[in-house]
Amino acid sequence: MDYRQITDSYSVSPQIEPGDVSAIKAAGFKSVICNRPDDEQPGQPSHDAVKAAVEAAGLTFRYIPVISGQMTMDNVEDQAKVLGEIEGPVLAYCRSGTRCTNLYAAIQQMKG
């Protein structure tokens, strides 16, 4: 599993598969956020499939889809709200990890 640590409590990764969840849990993550809309690319696992595996492993899952290149203030606010509610460390994923990184940066700018 390939991920980039942004802070001690927030990391990002490209698309994950249900089979990656054991490695995610072993890496110490407590929560997973999917920022990738379903059906963005043929063959990608649905967020429901990933959610089922994440929750079966005892981790928390949240779905905040962000359309590539079209991040909105609602997306930023939703991500910030969820980060305030769930236990970290958090792994957020999308196609490449860039949207998740940009969301986190926007949250930090919003905080001031």
N, C-alpha and C. Protein backbone atom coordinates (compact mmCIF):
# COMPACT_ATOMS: atom_id res chain seq x y z
N MET A 1 0.84 -1.18 0.00
CA MET A 1 0.00 0.00 0.00
C MET A 1 0.89 1.25 0.00
N ASP A 2 0.60 2.13 -0.92
CA ASP A 2 1.39 3.35 -1.09
C ASP A 2 0.61 4.54 -0.54
N TYR A 3 1.18 5.23 0.45
CA TYR A 3 0.52 6.44 0.96
C TYR A 3 1.55 7.48 1.31
N ARG A 4 1.10 8.74 1.36
CA ARG A 4 1.97 9.86 1.73
C ARG A 4 1.44 10.47 3.02
N GLN A 5 2.30 10.59 4.00
CA GLN A 5 1.92 11.20 5.27
C GLN A 5 1.99 12.72 5.13
N ILE A 6 0.88 13.40 5.40
CA ILE A 6 0.81 14.86 5.34
C ILE A 6 1.09 15.43 6.73
N THR A 7 0.46 14.85 7.75
CA THR A 7 0.72 15.19 9.15
C THR A 7 0.73 13.89 9.94
N ASP A 8 0.95 13.98 11.25
CA ASP A 8 0.91 12.77 12.08
C ASP A 8 -0.46 12.11 12.05
N SER A 9 -1.51 12.89 11.77
CA SER A 9 -2.86 12.34 11.84
C SER A 9 -3.58 12.25 10.49
N TYR A 10 -2.91 12.63 9.39
CA TYR A 10 -3.58 12.65 8.07
C TYR A 10 -2.61 12.22 6.98
N SER A 11 -3.01 11.19 6.26
CA SER A 11 -2.22 10.71 5.12
C SER A 11 -3.14 10.55 3.93
N VAL A 12 -2.56 10.51 2.73
CA VAL A 12 -3.33 10.37 1.50
C VAL A 12 -2.76 9.23 0.67
N SER A 13 -3.64 8.68 -0.18
CA SER A 13 -3.18 7.61 -1.05
C SER A 13 -3.99 7.58 -2.33
N PRO A 14 -3.44 6.89 -3.34
CA PRO A 14 -4.24 6.60 -4.52
C PRO A 14 -5.35 5.61 -4.14
N GLN A 15 -6.20 5.30 -5.12
CA GLN A 15 -7.30 4.37 -4.94
C GLN A 15 -6.87 3.14 -4.13
N ILE A 16 -7.66 2.77 -3.16
CA ILE A 16 -7.41 1.54 -2.41
C ILE A 16 -8.42 0.49 -2.84
N GLU A 17 -8.08 -0.74 -2.56
CA GLU A 17 -8.93 -1.90 -2.84
C GLU A 17 -9.37 -2.50 -1.51
N PRO A 18 -10.48 -3.22 -1.49
CA PRO A 18 -10.88 -3.89 -0.25
C PRO A 18 -9.76 -4.75 0.35
N GLY A 19 -8.95 -5.36 -0.53
CA GLY A 19 -7.85 -6.19 -0.05
C GLY A 19 -6.72 -5.43 0.62
N ASP A 20 -6.72 -4.10 0.51
CA ASP A 20 -5.69 -3.28 1.14
C ASP A 20 -5.98 -2.98 2.61
N VAL A 21 -7.19 -3.27 3.04
CA VAL A 21 -7.63 -2.81 4.37
C VAL A 21 -6.80 -3.42 5.50
N SER A 22 -6.39 -4.66 5.37
CA SER A 22 -5.57 -5.24 6.45
C SER A 22 -4.25 -4.48 6.60
N ALA A 23 -3.65 -4.06 5.49
CA ALA A 23 -2.41 -3.27 5.55
C ALA A 23 -2.68 -1.88 6.11
N ILE A 24 -3.83 -1.32 5.79
CA ILE A 24 -4.21 0.00 6.31
C ILE A 24 -4.35 -0.07 7.82
N LYS A 25 -5.03 -1.09 8.28
CA LYS A 25 -5.20 -1.27 9.73
C LYS A 25 -3.84 -1.53 10.40
N ALA A 26 -3.03 -2.37 9.79
CA ALA A 26 -1.71 -2.68 10.35
C ALA A 26 -0.82 -1.45 10.41
N ALA A 27 -1.03 -0.50 9.49
CA ALA A 27 -0.25 0.74 9.50
C ALA A 27 -0.70 1.70 10.60
N GLY A 28 -1.80 1.36 11.28
CA GLY A 28 -2.24 2.16 12.42
C GLY A 28 -3.36 3.13 12.14
N PHE A 29 -3.88 3.13 10.93
CA PHE A 29 -4.99 4.04 10.62
C PHE A 29 -6.25 3.61 11.36
N LYS A 30 -7.02 4.59 11.80
CA LYS A 30 -8.28 4.33 12.51
C LYS A 30 -9.49 4.65 11.65
N SER A 31 -9.30 5.51 10.64
CA SER A 31 -10.40 5.95 9.79
C SER A 31 -9.93 6.11 8.35
N VAL A 32 -10.89 5.94 7.42
CA VAL A 32 -10.63 6.06 5.99
C VAL A 32 -11.69 6.99 5.40
N ILE A 33 -11.24 7.94 4.58
CA ILE A 33 -12.15 8.82 3.85
C ILE A 33 -11.95 8.59 2.36
N CYS A 34 -13.05 8.34 1.66
CA CYS A 34 -13.01 8.23 0.20
C CYS A 34 -13.42 9.56 -0.39
N ASN A 35 -12.52 10.18 -1.15
CA ASN A 35 -12.82 11.43 -1.84
C ASN A 35 -13.01 11.21 -3.35
N ARG A 36 -13.12 9.97 -3.75
CA ARG A 36 -13.26 9.66 -5.18
C ARG A 36 -14.69 9.25 -5.51
N PRO A 37 -15.32 9.95 -6.45
CA PRO A 37 -16.67 9.54 -6.85
C PRO A 37 -16.67 8.14 -7.45
N ASP A 38 -17.74 7.39 -7.21
CA ASP A 38 -17.89 6.09 -7.85
C ASP A 38 -17.94 6.28 -9.37
N ASP A 39 -17.50 5.25 -10.07
CA ASP A 39 -17.56 5.19 -11.54
C ASP A 39 -16.75 6.28 -12.24
N GLU A 40 -15.74 6.79 -11.56
CA GLU A 40 -14.87 7.78 -12.20
C GLU A 40 -14.03 7.12 -13.29
N GLN A 41 -13.73 5.86 -13.07
CA GLN A 41 -12.90 5.11 -14.01
C GLN A 41 -13.42 3.67 -14.03
N PRO A 42 -13.50 3.05 -15.19
CA PRO A 42 -13.97 1.67 -15.25
C PRO A 42 -13.09 0.75 -14.39
N GLY A 43 -13.75 -0.12 -13.64
CA GLY A 43 -13.02 -1.11 -12.85
C GLY A 43 -12.63 -0.67 -11.45
N GLN A 44 -12.84 0.58 -11.12
CA GLN A 44 -12.48 1.01 -9.77
C GLN A 44 -13.50 0.42 -8.80
N PRO A 45 -13.06 0.01 -7.59
CA PRO A 45 -14.02 -0.51 -6.63
C PRO A 45 -14.96 0.61 -6.15
N SER A 46 -16.20 0.25 -5.90
CA SER A 46 -17.15 1.24 -5.39
C SER A 46 -16.80 1.61 -3.96
N HIS A 47 -17.25 2.78 -3.54
CA HIS A 47 -16.99 3.16 -2.15
C HIS A 47 -17.70 2.19 -1.21
N ASP A 48 -18.85 1.64 -1.63
CA ASP A 48 -19.55 0.67 -0.78
C ASP A 48 -18.71 -0.59 -0.54
N ALA A 49 -18.01 -1.06 -1.57
CA ALA A 49 -17.16 -2.24 -1.42
C ALA A 49 -16.01 -1.96 -0.46
N VAL A 50 -15.40 -0.79 -0.60
CA VAL A 50 -14.31 -0.42 0.30
C VAL A 50 -14.85 -0.20 1.72
N LYS A 51 -15.98 0.48 1.81
CA LYS A 51 -16.60 0.73 3.12
C LYS A 51 -16.86 -0.58 3.87
N ALA A 52 -17.39 -1.57 3.18
CA ALA A 52 -17.68 -2.85 3.82
C ALA A 52 -16.42 -3.47 4.40
N ALA A 53 -15.32 -3.43 3.64
CA ALA A 53 -14.06 -4.00 4.12
C ALA A 53 -13.49 -3.19 5.28
N VAL A 54 -13.57 -1.87 5.17
CA VAL A 54 -13.04 -0.99 6.23
C VAL A 54 -13.81 -1.21 7.53
N GLU A 55 -15.12 -1.22 7.44
CA GLU A 55 -15.94 -1.39 8.65
C GLU A 55 -15.82 -2.80 9.22
N ALA A 56 -15.65 -3.80 8.36
CA ALA A 56 -15.45 -5.18 8.84
C ALA A 56 -14.15 -5.29 9.64
N ALA A 57 -13.19 -4.42 9.32
CA ALA A 57 -11.91 -4.41 10.04
C ALA A 57 -11.98 -3.58 11.32
N GLY A 58 -13.14 -2.99 11.60
CA GLY A 58 -13.30 -2.20 12.81
C GLY A 58 -12.87 -0.75 12.69
N LEU A 59 -12.69 -0.29 11.45
CA LEU A 59 -12.28 1.09 11.22
C LEU A 59 -13.50 1.92 10.79
N THR A 60 -13.36 3.23 10.86
CA THR A 60 -14.42 4.16 10.46
C THR A 60 -14.23 4.53 9.00
N PHE A 61 -15.35 4.69 8.27
CA PHE A 61 -15.32 5.06 6.86
C PHE A 61 -16.26 6.22 6.60
N ARG A 62 -15.80 7.19 5.80
CA ARG A 62 -16.65 8.29 5.37
C ARG A 62 -16.47 8.50 3.86
N TYR A 63 -17.54 8.91 3.20
CA TYR A 63 -17.54 9.12 1.75
C TYR A 63 -17.85 10.58 1.46
N ILE A 64 -16.86 11.30 0.93
CA ILE A 64 -17.01 12.70 0.54
C ILE A 64 -16.47 12.82 -0.89
N PRO A 65 -17.30 12.50 -1.89
CA PRO A 65 -16.81 12.51 -3.27
C PRO A 65 -16.53 13.93 -3.76
N VAL A 66 -15.40 14.06 -4.41
CA VAL A 66 -14.97 15.34 -4.99
C VAL A 66 -14.66 15.09 -6.46
N ILE A 67 -15.33 15.83 -7.33
CA ILE A 67 -15.09 15.68 -8.76
C ILE A 67 -13.72 16.28 -9.09
N SER A 68 -12.92 15.53 -9.82
CA SER A 68 -11.57 15.98 -10.17
C SER A 68 -11.60 17.34 -10.84
N GLY A 69 -10.81 18.28 -10.31
CA GLY A 69 -10.72 19.62 -10.87
C GLY A 69 -11.89 20.52 -10.52
N GLN A 70 -12.80 20.04 -9.68
CA GLN A 70 -13.98 20.82 -9.36
C GLN A 70 -14.26 20.86 -7.85
N MET A 71 -13.21 20.93 -7.04
CA MET A 71 -13.38 20.98 -5.60
C MET A 71 -14.18 22.23 -5.22
N THR A 72 -15.16 22.06 -4.34
CA THR A 72 -16.01 23.17 -3.91
C THR A 72 -15.78 23.50 -2.45
N MET A 73 -16.25 24.66 -2.02
CA MET A 73 -16.17 25.01 -0.61
C MET A 73 -16.98 24.02 0.23
N ASP A 74 -18.09 23.52 -0.31
CA ASP A 74 -18.86 22.49 0.41
C ASP A 74 -18.00 21.25 0.65
N ASN A 75 -17.22 20.84 -0.36
CA ASN A 75 -16.32 19.70 -0.18
C ASN A 75 -15.34 19.95 0.96
N VAL A 76 -14.75 21.14 0.97
CA VAL A 76 -13.77 21.51 2.00
C VAL A 76 -14.43 21.49 3.38
N GLU A 77 -15.60 22.10 3.48
CA GLU A 77 -16.29 22.16 4.77
C GLU A 77 -16.72 20.77 5.23
N ASP A 78 -17.19 19.93 4.31
CA ASP A 78 -17.57 18.56 4.67
C ASP A 78 -16.37 17.77 5.18
N GLN A 79 -15.23 17.91 4.49
CA GLN A 79 -14.02 17.20 4.91
C GLN A 79 -13.57 17.69 6.29
N ALA A 80 -13.60 19.00 6.50
CA ALA A 80 -13.20 19.56 7.80
C ALA A 80 -14.11 19.05 8.91
N LYS A 81 -15.40 19.02 8.65
CA LYS A 81 -16.37 18.53 9.65
C LYS A 81 -16.09 17.08 10.01
N VAL A 82 -15.90 16.24 8.99
CA VAL A 82 -15.63 14.83 9.23
C VAL A 82 -14.32 14.64 9.99
N LEU A 83 -13.30 15.39 9.61
CA LEU A 83 -12.01 15.26 10.33
C LEU A 83 -12.15 15.63 11.80
N GLY A 84 -13.09 16.51 12.12
CA GLY A 84 -13.35 16.86 13.51
C GLY A 84 -14.13 15.81 14.27
N GLU A 85 -14.75 14.88 13.55
CA GLU A 85 -15.62 13.88 14.17
C GLU A 85 -15.00 12.49 14.31
N ILE A 86 -14.06 12.15 13.42
CA ILE A 86 -13.56 10.78 13.39
C ILE A 86 -12.20 10.68 14.07
N GLU A 87 -11.87 9.45 14.43
CA GLU A 87 -10.60 9.19 15.11
C GLU A 87 -9.47 9.07 14.08
N GLY A 88 -8.34 9.64 14.41
CA GLY A 88 -7.16 9.53 13.57
C GLY A 88 -6.19 8.52 14.13
N PRO A 89 -5.19 8.22 13.38
CA PRO A 89 -4.86 8.79 12.09
C PRO A 89 -5.83 8.37 10.98
N VAL A 90 -5.96 9.28 10.01
CA VAL A 90 -6.90 9.13 8.90
C VAL A 90 -6.12 8.89 7.61
N LEU A 91 -6.63 7.97 6.80
CA LEU A 91 -6.13 7.78 5.44
C LEU A 91 -7.24 8.23 4.50
N ALA A 92 -6.97 9.25 3.69
CA ALA A 92 -7.92 9.73 2.69
C ALA A 92 -7.40 9.30 1.32
N TYR A 93 -8.32 8.85 0.47
CA TYR A 93 -7.88 8.41 -0.86
C TYR A 93 -8.78 8.96 -1.96
N CYS A 94 -8.18 9.06 -3.15
CA CYS A 94 -8.88 9.41 -4.38
C CYS A 94 -8.14 8.67 -5.50
N ARG A 95 -8.12 9.21 -6.71
CA ARG A 95 -7.42 8.50 -7.78
C ARG A 95 -5.91 8.49 -7.55
N SER A 96 -5.35 9.65 -7.18
CA SER A 96 -3.90 9.75 -7.00
C SER A 96 -3.48 10.22 -5.62
N GLY A 97 -4.43 10.77 -4.86
CA GLY A 97 -4.13 11.38 -3.57
C GLY A 97 -4.10 12.90 -3.62
N THR A 98 -4.11 13.46 -4.83
CA THR A 98 -4.00 14.91 -4.98
C THR A 98 -5.22 15.65 -4.44
N ARG A 99 -6.42 15.17 -4.76
CA ARG A 99 -7.62 15.84 -4.25
C ARG A 99 -7.64 15.85 -2.73
N CYS A 100 -7.24 14.74 -2.13
CA CYS A 100 -7.21 14.64 -0.66
C CYS A 100 -6.22 15.64 -0.07
N THR A 101 -5.08 15.78 -0.74
CA THR A 101 -4.06 16.74 -0.30
C THR A 101 -4.58 18.16 -0.45
N ASN A 102 -5.21 18.46 -1.59
CA ASN A 102 -5.75 19.80 -1.82
C ASN A 102 -6.86 20.14 -0.83
N LEU A 103 -7.69 19.17 -0.49
CA LEU A 103 -8.73 19.41 0.52
C LEU A 103 -8.10 19.79 1.86
N TYR A 104 -7.07 19.03 2.24
CA TYR A 104 -6.42 19.31 3.53
C TYR A 104 -5.79 20.71 3.53
N ALA A 105 -5.14 21.06 2.42
CA ALA A 105 -4.53 22.40 2.32
C ALA A 105 -5.59 23.49 2.41
N ALA A 106 -6.73 23.28 1.76
CA ALA A 106 -7.82 24.26 1.80
C ALA A 106 -8.38 24.39 3.21
N ILE A 107 -8.46 23.28 3.93
CA ILE A 107 -8.94 23.33 5.31
C ILE A 107 -7.98 24.17 6.17
N GLN A 108 -6.68 23.99 5.95
CA GLN A 108 -5.69 24.73 6.73
C GLN A 108 -5.80 26.23 6.42
N GLN A 109 -6.02 26.59 5.14
CA GLN A 109 -6.18 28.00 4.77
C GLN A 109 -7.44 28.58 5.39
N MET A 110 -8.49 27.77 5.44
CA MET A 110 -9.77 28.21 6.00
C MET A 110 -9.61 28.51 7.50
N LYS A 111 -8.78 27.72 8.16
CA LYS A 111 -8.55 27.93 9.60
C LYS A 111 -7.79 29.22 9.87
N GLY A 112 -7.06 29.68 8.87
CA GLY A 112 -6.47 30.97 9.03
C GLY A 112 -5.03 31.07 9.09
